Amino acid sequence: MKGMKMNNDKSNEGQENGAADRGQSAARLKRFYGAPGGPLLGWLLEEAGNKGMDLTALATELRVTVG
């Protein structure tokens, strides 16, 4: 786009752990799409778990009810 400069230099990005990162990303996507309720719910539950939240805390944060 006119007036916007994009930095496409990714020469050093992820070289050390590139293959491991791709494997972890693929496994994470597989978990999301295999989760009961679909990928959005899988992602929400995983992120809540990473933050130490239980299902009730997640529901409160999202302003929904559990069930």
N, C-alpha and C. Protein backbone atom coordinates (compact mmCIF):
# COMPACT_ATOMS: atom_id res chain seq x y z
N MET A 1 0.84 -1.17 0.00
CA MET A 1 0.00 0.00 0.00
C MET A 1 0.88 1.23 0.00
N LYS A 2 0.40 2.26 -0.58
CA LYS A 2 1.15 3.48 -0.70
C LYS A 2 1.43 4.09 0.66
N GLY A 3 2.69 4.44 0.90
CA GLY A 3 3.05 5.09 2.15
C GLY A 3 3.34 4.13 3.29
N MET A 4 3.10 2.86 3.11
CA MET A 4 3.35 1.89 4.17
C MET A 4 4.59 1.09 3.83
N LYS A 5 5.44 0.92 4.80
CA LYS A 5 6.66 0.16 4.60
C LYS A 5 6.54 -1.15 5.36
N MET A 6 6.76 -2.24 4.68
CA MET A 6 6.66 -3.56 5.32
C MET A 6 8.05 -4.14 5.48
N ASN A 7 8.29 -4.74 6.62
CA ASN A 7 9.56 -5.40 6.87
C ASN A 7 9.37 -6.89 6.64
N ASN A 8 9.89 -7.37 5.54
CA ASN A 8 9.77 -8.79 5.21
C ASN A 8 11.03 -9.56 5.53
N ASP A 9 11.98 -8.97 6.25
CA ASP A 9 13.22 -9.64 6.58
C ASP A 9 12.99 -10.58 7.75
N LYS A 10 12.92 -11.86 7.46
CA LYS A 10 12.70 -12.87 8.50
C LYS A 10 13.88 -13.84 8.50
N SER A 11 15.05 -13.34 8.11
CA SER A 11 16.21 -14.21 7.95
C SER A 11 16.62 -14.91 9.23
N ASN A 12 16.47 -14.28 10.38
CA ASN A 12 16.89 -14.89 11.64
C ASN A 12 15.72 -15.39 12.47
N GLU A 13 14.52 -15.20 12.01
CA GLU A 13 13.34 -15.51 12.81
C GLU A 13 13.14 -17.02 12.93
N GLY A 14 13.18 -17.54 14.16
CA GLY A 14 12.85 -18.92 14.42
C GLY A 14 13.81 -19.96 13.90
N GLN A 15 15.04 -19.59 13.61
CA GLN A 15 15.97 -20.57 13.06
C GLN A 15 16.33 -21.64 14.07
N GLU A 16 16.49 -21.26 15.32
CA GLU A 16 16.91 -22.24 16.32
C GLU A 16 15.84 -23.30 16.57
N ASN A 17 14.61 -22.91 16.66
CA ASN A 17 13.54 -23.83 17.03
C ASN A 17 12.48 -23.96 15.94
N GLY A 18 12.82 -23.69 14.72
CA GLY A 18 11.84 -23.68 13.64
C GLY A 18 11.06 -24.98 13.52
N ALA A 19 11.75 -26.10 13.44
CA ALA A 19 11.07 -27.39 13.27
C ALA A 19 10.27 -27.75 14.51
N ALA A 20 10.82 -27.48 15.69
CA ALA A 20 10.11 -27.78 16.93
C ALA A 20 8.86 -26.93 17.05
N ASP A 21 8.97 -25.65 16.68
CA ASP A 21 7.81 -24.75 16.74
C ASP A 21 6.71 -25.22 15.80
N ARG A 22 7.10 -25.63 14.60
CA ARG A 22 6.10 -26.11 13.64
C ARG A 22 5.40 -27.36 14.15
N GLY A 23 6.17 -28.25 14.79
CA GLY A 23 5.58 -29.46 15.35
C GLY A 23 4.63 -29.16 16.47
N GLN A 24 5.01 -28.23 17.33
CA GLN A 24 4.13 -27.83 18.44
C GLN A 24 2.89 -27.15 17.91
N SER A 25 3.05 -26.30 16.90
CA SER A 25 1.90 -25.60 16.32
C SER A 25 0.93 -26.58 15.68
N ALA A 26 1.47 -27.57 14.98
CA ALA A 26 0.62 -28.58 14.34
C ALA A 26 -0.13 -29.39 15.39
N ALA A 27 0.56 -29.75 16.46
CA ALA A 27 -0.08 -30.52 17.53
C ALA A 27 -1.16 -29.68 18.21
N ARG A 28 -0.88 -28.40 18.39
CA ARG A 28 -1.87 -27.52 19.04
C ARG A 28 -3.11 -27.37 18.16
N LEU A 29 -2.93 -27.19 16.87
CA LEU A 29 -4.08 -27.10 15.96
C LEU A 29 -4.89 -28.39 15.97
N LYS A 30 -4.19 -29.51 16.02
CA LYS A 30 -4.88 -30.81 16.05
C LYS A 30 -5.74 -30.91 17.32
N ARG A 31 -5.19 -30.46 18.47
CA ARG A 31 -5.97 -30.46 19.72
C ARG A 31 -7.18 -29.55 19.60
N PHE A 32 -6.98 -28.37 19.03
CA PHE A 32 -8.10 -27.42 18.90
C PHE A 32 -9.23 -28.00 18.06
N TYR A 33 -8.89 -28.55 16.90
CA TYR A 33 -9.91 -29.06 16.00
C TYR A 33 -10.50 -30.38 16.46
N GLY A 34 -9.83 -31.06 17.37
CA GLY A 34 -10.35 -32.31 17.92
C GLY A 34 -11.12 -32.11 19.22
N ALA A 35 -11.15 -30.89 19.71
CA ALA A 35 -11.81 -30.61 20.99
C ALA A 35 -13.32 -30.69 20.86
N PRO A 36 -13.98 -31.24 21.88
CA PRO A 36 -15.45 -31.20 21.88
C PRO A 36 -15.89 -29.74 21.88
N GLY A 37 -16.76 -29.39 20.98
CA GLY A 37 -17.21 -28.00 20.88
C GLY A 37 -16.49 -27.22 19.81
N GLY A 38 -15.47 -27.82 19.21
CA GLY A 38 -14.78 -27.18 18.09
C GLY A 38 -13.54 -26.41 18.49
N PRO A 39 -12.88 -25.82 17.49
CA PRO A 39 -11.60 -25.18 17.72
C PRO A 39 -11.65 -23.95 18.62
N LEU A 40 -12.69 -23.17 18.54
CA LEU A 40 -12.77 -21.98 19.39
C LEU A 40 -12.83 -22.36 20.86
N LEU A 41 -13.67 -23.32 21.18
CA LEU A 41 -13.78 -23.77 22.57
C LEU A 41 -12.48 -24.45 23.01
N GLY A 42 -11.86 -25.21 22.13
CA GLY A 42 -10.58 -25.84 22.45
C GLY A 42 -9.52 -24.80 22.78
N TRP A 43 -9.46 -23.74 21.98
CA TRP A 43 -8.50 -22.68 22.22
C TRP A 43 -8.79 -21.96 23.53
N LEU A 44 -10.06 -21.63 23.77
CA LEU A 44 -10.43 -20.94 25.01
C LEU A 44 -10.06 -21.77 26.24
N LEU A 45 -10.35 -23.05 26.21
CA LEU A 45 -10.07 -23.90 27.35
C LEU A 45 -8.57 -24.05 27.58
N GLU A 46 -7.80 -24.16 26.50
CA GLU A 46 -6.35 -24.28 26.65
C GLU A 46 -5.75 -23.00 27.22
N GLU A 47 -6.18 -21.87 26.70
CA GLU A 47 -5.67 -20.59 27.20
C GLU A 47 -6.06 -20.37 28.66
N ALA A 48 -7.28 -20.74 29.01
CA ALA A 48 -7.71 -20.61 30.41
C ALA A 48 -6.84 -21.48 31.30
N GLY A 49 -6.57 -22.69 30.87
CA GLY A 49 -5.70 -23.59 31.64
C GLY A 49 -4.30 -23.04 31.79
N ASN A 50 -3.78 -22.43 30.73
CA ASN A 50 -2.44 -21.83 30.78
C ASN A 50 -2.39 -20.68 31.78
N LYS A 51 -3.52 -20.03 31.99
CA LYS A 51 -3.58 -18.90 32.93
C LYS A 51 -4.04 -19.32 34.32
N GLY A 52 -4.22 -20.64 34.52
CA GLY A 52 -4.61 -21.15 35.83
C GLY A 52 -6.08 -20.95 36.15
N MET A 53 -6.89 -20.75 35.13
CA MET A 53 -8.34 -20.53 35.34
C MET A 53 -9.08 -21.86 35.23
N ASP A 54 -10.11 -22.02 36.04
CA ASP A 54 -10.98 -23.18 35.88
C ASP A 54 -12.15 -22.78 34.99
N LEU A 55 -13.04 -23.73 34.73
CA LEU A 55 -14.16 -23.49 33.82
C LEU A 55 -15.08 -22.39 34.34
N THR A 56 -15.30 -22.34 35.65
CA THR A 56 -16.16 -21.31 36.23
C THR A 56 -15.55 -19.92 36.06
N ALA A 57 -14.24 -19.82 36.27
CA ALA A 57 -13.56 -18.52 36.11
C ALA A 57 -13.61 -18.07 34.64
N LEU A 58 -13.43 -19.02 33.73
CA LEU A 58 -13.52 -18.69 32.31
C LEU A 58 -14.90 -18.20 31.96
N ALA A 59 -15.92 -18.89 32.44
CA ALA A 59 -17.30 -18.47 32.16
C ALA A 59 -17.59 -17.08 32.71
N THR A 60 -17.09 -16.82 33.91
CA THR A 60 -17.28 -15.50 34.52
C THR A 60 -16.61 -14.43 33.66
N GLU A 61 -15.39 -14.70 33.22
CA GLU A 61 -14.64 -13.75 32.38
C GLU A 61 -15.36 -13.47 31.07
N LEU A 62 -15.98 -14.51 30.51
CA LEU A 62 -16.70 -14.37 29.24
C LEU A 62 -18.14 -13.89 29.42
N ARG A 63 -18.56 -13.78 30.69
CA ARG A 63 -19.92 -13.36 31.05
C ARG A 63 -20.98 -14.29 30.44
N VAL A 64 -20.71 -15.59 30.62
CA VAL A 64 -21.66 -16.63 30.21
C VAL A 64 -21.85 -17.58 31.39
N THR A 65 -22.78 -18.49 31.27
CA THR A 65 -22.97 -19.50 32.32
C THR A 65 -22.38 -20.83 31.87
N VAL A 66 -21.96 -21.63 32.83
CA VAL A 66 -21.42 -22.95 32.55
C VAL A 66 -22.59 -23.89 32.34
N GLY A 67 -22.49 -24.69 31.30
CA GLY A 67 -23.55 -25.67 31.13
C GLY A 67 -23.95 -25.94 29.80
